[in-house]
C-alpha atoms as a PDB file:
ATOM      1  CA  MET A   1       3.155 -66.583 138.214  1.00  0.00           C
ATOM      2  CA  GLU A   2       5.995 -64.942 140.106  1.00  0.00           C
ATOM      3  CA  LYS A   3       8.773 -63.464 138.009  1.00  0.00           C
ATOM      4  CA  ALA A   4      12.401 -62.677 138.730  1.00  0.00           C
ATOM      5  CA  LEU A   5      12.737 -58.912 138.973  1.00  0.00           C
ATOM      6  CA  ASN A   6      16.486 -59.242 139.640  1.00  0.00           C
ATOM      7  CA  PRO A   7      18.951 -61.922 138.479  1.00  0.00           C
ATOM      8  CA  GLN A   8      19.368 -63.320 141.997  1.00  0.00           C
ATOM      9  CA  ASP A   9      15.586 -63.798 142.298  1.00  0.00           C
ATOM     10  CA  ILE A  10      15.792 -66.698 139.857  1.00  0.00           C
ATOM     11  CA  THR A  11      17.541 -68.886 142.436  1.00  0.00           C
ATOM     12  CA  ASP A  12      14.853 -68.264 145.061  1.00  0.00           C
ATOM     13  CA  LEU A  13      12.114 -69.064 142.564  1.00  0.00           C
ATOM     14  CA  PHE A  14      14.032 -72.148 141.379  1.00  0.00           C
ATOM     15  CA  LEU A  15      14.146 -73.487 144.941  1.00  0.00           C
ATOM     16  CA  LYS A  16      10.471 -72.743 145.492  1.00  0.00           C
ATOM     17  CA  TYR A  17       9.372 -74.448 142.276  1.00  0.00           C
ATOM     18  CA  ILE A  18      11.653 -77.490 142.412  1.00  0.00           C
ATOM     19  CA  ASN A  19      10.823 -78.187 146.048  1.00  0.00           C
ATOM     20  CA  SER A  20       7.095 -77.918 145.336  1.00  0.00           C
ATOM     21  CA  GLY A  21       7.396 -80.071 142.199  1.00  0.00           C
ATOM     22  CA  ASP A  22       5.980 -77.373 139.899  1.00  0.00           C
ATOM     23  CA  LEU A  23       7.492 -78.346 136.547  1.00  0.00           C
ATOM     24  CA  GLU A  24       5.788 -75.624 134.500  1.00  0.00           C
ATOM     25  CA  LYS A  25       6.932 -72.800 136.766  1.00  0.00           C
ATOM     26  CA  LEU A  26      10.407 -74.313 137.102  1.00  0.00           C
ATOM     27  CA  VAL A  27      10.931 -74.397 133.339  1.00  0.00           C
ATOM     28  CA  SER A  28       9.516 -70.857 133.021  1.00  0.00           C
ATOM     29  CA  LEU A  29      12.737 -69.611 134.650  1.00  0.00           C
ATOM     30  CA  TYR A  30      14.654 -70.471 131.458  1.00  0.00           C
ATOM     31  CA  GLU A  31      14.701 -68.710 128.092  1.00  0.00           C
ATOM     32  CA  ASP A  32      13.309 -70.723 125.171  1.00  0.00           C
ATOM     33  CA  GLY A  33      16.791 -71.531 123.819  1.00  0.00           C
ATOM     34  CA  ALA A  34      18.497 -71.922 127.196  1.00  0.00           C
ATOM     35  CA  VAL A  35      21.190 -74.491 127.909  1.00  0.00           C
ATOM     36  CA  LEU A  36      21.317 -76.587 131.105  1.00  0.00           C
ATOM     37  CA  ALA A  37      24.344 -78.748 131.917  1.00  0.00           C
ATOM     38  CA  ILE A  38      23.020 -82.165 132.930  1.00  0.00           C
ATOM     39  CA  GLY A  39      26.158 -84.199 133.388  1.00  0.00           C
ATOM     40  CA  GLU A  40      29.621 -84.828 132.078  1.00  0.00           C
ATOM     41  CA  ASN A  41      29.689 -83.152 128.643  1.00  0.00           C
ATOM     42  CA  ASN A  42      25.885 -83.373 128.325  1.00  0.00           C
ATOM     43  CA  VAL A  43      23.442 -80.501 127.991  1.00  0.00           C
ATOM     44  CA  ALA A  44      19.723 -80.043 127.695  1.00  0.00           C
ATOM     45  CA  GLN A  45      19.142 -77.309 125.124  1.00  0.00           C
ATOM     46  CA  GLY A  46      15.795 -75.633 124.722  1.00  0.00           C
ATOM     47  CA  LYS A  47      12.648 -75.771 126.804  1.00  0.00           C
ATOM     48  CA  GLU A  48      11.588 -79.209 125.586  1.00  0.00           C
ATOM     49  CA  ALA A  49      14.863 -80.844 126.639  1.00  0.00           C
ATOM     50  CA  ILE A  50      14.982 -78.908 129.917  1.00  0.00           C
ATOM     51  CA  THR A  51      11.380 -79.905 130.654  1.00  0.00           C
ATOM     52  CA  SER A  52      12.211 -83.558 129.991  1.00  0.00           C
ATOM     53  CA  PHE A  53      15.227 -83.426 132.314  1.00  0.00           C
ATOM     54  CA  TYR A  54      13.322 -81.807 135.169  1.00  0.00           C
ATOM     55  CA  ALA A  55      10.302 -84.092 134.740  1.00  0.00           C
ATOM     56  CA  LYS A  56      12.579 -87.071 135.413  1.00  0.00           C
ATOM     57  CA  LEU A  57      14.287 -85.306 138.318  1.00  0.00           C
ATOM     58  CA  LEU A  58      10.993 -84.256 139.926  1.00  0.00           C
ATOM     59  CA  ALA A  59       9.762 -87.861 139.819  1.00  0.00           C
ATOM     60  CA  SER A  60      12.198 -88.560 142.676  1.00  0.00           C
ATOM     61  CA  ASN A  61      10.703 -85.697 144.753  1.00  0.00           C
ATOM     62  CA  PRO A  62      14.027 -83.925 145.390  1.00  0.00           C
ATOM     63  CA  LYS A  63      14.470 -81.303 148.095  1.00  0.00           C
ATOM     64  CA  PHE A  64      17.056 -78.570 147.660  1.00  0.00           C
ATOM     65  CA  GLU A  65      18.332 -76.126 150.276  1.00  0.00           C
ATOM     66  CA  LYS A  66      19.563 -72.624 149.628  1.00  0.00           C
ATOM     67  CA  GLY A  67      23.291 -72.117 149.797  1.00  0.00           C
ATOM     68  CA  VAL A  68      25.286 -68.912 149.875  1.00  0.00           C
ATOM     69  CA  GLN A  69      24.481 -66.819 146.843  1.00  0.00           C
ATOM     70  CA  ARG A  70      27.097 -64.398 145.543  1.00  0.00           C
ATOM     71  CA  PRO A  71      25.965 -60.944 144.405  1.00  0.00           C
ATOM     72  CA  PRO A  72      25.280 -60.974 140.662  1.00  0.00           C
ATOM     73  CA  LEU A  73      27.795 -59.485 138.258  1.00  0.00           C
ATOM     74  CA  ILE A  74      25.670 -57.444 135.859  1.00  0.00           C
ATOM     75  CA  ASN A  75      26.644 -55.910 132.528  1.00  0.00           C
ATOM     76  CA  LYS A  76      23.631 -54.175 130.963  1.00  0.00           C
ATOM     77  CA  ASP A  77      21.113 -56.977 130.219  1.00  0.00           C
ATOM     78  CA  ILE A  78      23.380 -59.931 131.078  1.00  0.00           C
ATOM     79  CA  ALA A  79      24.197 -61.195 134.578  1.00  0.00           C
ATOM     80  CA  LEU A  80      26.447 -63.867 136.043  1.00  0.00           C
ATOM     81  CA  THR A  81      25.045 -65.488 139.165  1.00  0.00           C
ATOM     82  CA  SER A  82      26.558 -68.170 141.353  1.00  0.00           C
ATOM     83  CA  SER A  83      26.006 -69.974 144.628  1.00  0.00           C
ATOM     84  CA  ARG A  84      27.907 -72.269 146.933  1.00  0.00           C
ATOM     85  CA  LEU A  85      25.491 -74.957 148.047  1.00  0.00           C
ATOM     86  CA  ILE A  86      25.558 -76.487 151.517  1.00  0.00           C
ATOM     87  CA  ASN A  87      27.282 -79.607 150.131  1.00  0.00           C
ATOM     88  CA  GLY A  88      30.150 -77.492 148.728  1.00  0.00           C
ATOM     89  CA  THR A  89      28.979 -77.505 145.116  1.00  0.00           C
ATOM     90  CA  VAL A  90      29.477 -74.224 143.285  1.00  0.00           C
ATOM     91  CA  THR A  91      26.963 -73.229 140.604  1.00  0.00           C
ATOM     92  CA  ALA A  92      27.191 -70.649 137.819  1.00  0.00           C
ATOM     93  CA  GLU A  93      24.405 -69.207 135.710  1.00  0.00           C
ATOM     94  CA  ILE A  94      24.054 -66.587 133.012  1.00  0.00           C
ATOM     95  CA  ALA A  95      20.785 -64.667 133.117  1.00  0.00           C
ATOM     96  CA  ARG A  96      19.406 -62.224 130.576  1.00  0.00           C
ATOM     97  CA  LYS A  97      16.978 -59.400 131.119  1.00  0.00           C
ATOM     98  CA  GLN A  98      13.776 -59.946 129.187  1.00  0.00           C
ATOM     99  CA  PRO A  99      11.834 -57.281 127.246  1.00  0.00           C
ATOM    100  CA  ASP A 100       9.312 -57.076 130.130  1.00  0.00           C
ATOM    101  CA  GLY A 101      12.122 -56.252 132.605  1.00  0.00           C
ATOM    102  CA  THR A 102      12.234 -59.664 134.268  1.00  0.00           C
ATOM    103  CA  TRP A 103      15.217 -62.047 134.227  1.00  0.00           C
ATOM    104  CA  LYS A 104      15.577 -65.632 132.973  1.00  0.00           C
ATOM    105  CA  TRP A 105      18.448 -68.066 132.807  1.00  0.00           C
ATOM    106  CA  LEU A 106      20.145 -68.463 129.453  1.00  0.00           C
ATOM    107  CA  ILE A 107      22.902 -70.821 130.657  1.00  0.00           C
ATOM    108  CA  ASP A 108      22.770 -72.965 133.804  1.00  0.00           C
ATOM    109  CA  GLN A 109      25.798 -74.881 135.070  1.00  0.00           C
ATOM    110  CA  PRO A 110      24.629 -76.506 138.333  1.00  0.00           C
ATOM    111  CA  ILE A 111      28.059 -77.976 139.124  1.00  0.00           C
ATOM    112  CA  ILE A 112      31.023 -75.859 138.113  1.00  0.00           C
ATOM    113  CA  ALA A 113      33.163 -76.976 141.053  1.00  0.00           C
ATOM    114  CA  VAL A 114      32.974 -78.807 144.352  1.00  0.00           C
ATOM    115  CA  GLU A 115      34.666 -77.124 147.290  1.00  0.00           C
ATOM    116  CA  LYS A 116      35.735 -79.199 150.233  1.00  0.00           C
END
C-alpha cells in the first residue's frame, strides 16, 4: 500500500483511491481518531464513521479532479494542507506525521469556502 511520505502526498493518494473506489486504502489515509466534516455541523469521527461515510459516497462512483494544491505549512509533526478545487471549493486539512515517518490526516474539512 502506498503511503504519504509528505503531507501533500495525501491528496494525490486520496484522488487515486476515491476515483478507483478503493475504500480500504482511502480510509487508511486517516488516523484512527480522525475527524471528517461531512456537512453542515456534522462530522464523522473515527475510522468506523469515516468508513461508513465513504462507503455511501463510493456507491455513487464519484470522480474527483485535482485542483490547485497550496504548499503545506509544517510545524514539526503537524501540517496544514489546502487545495482550491476546479469548482472553486477550498479545502483544509490537518495532517500529522506518524511514528513510521509517513503522514495521515487528523482533521479533514473538504469545504471550508467556495470561491467564485
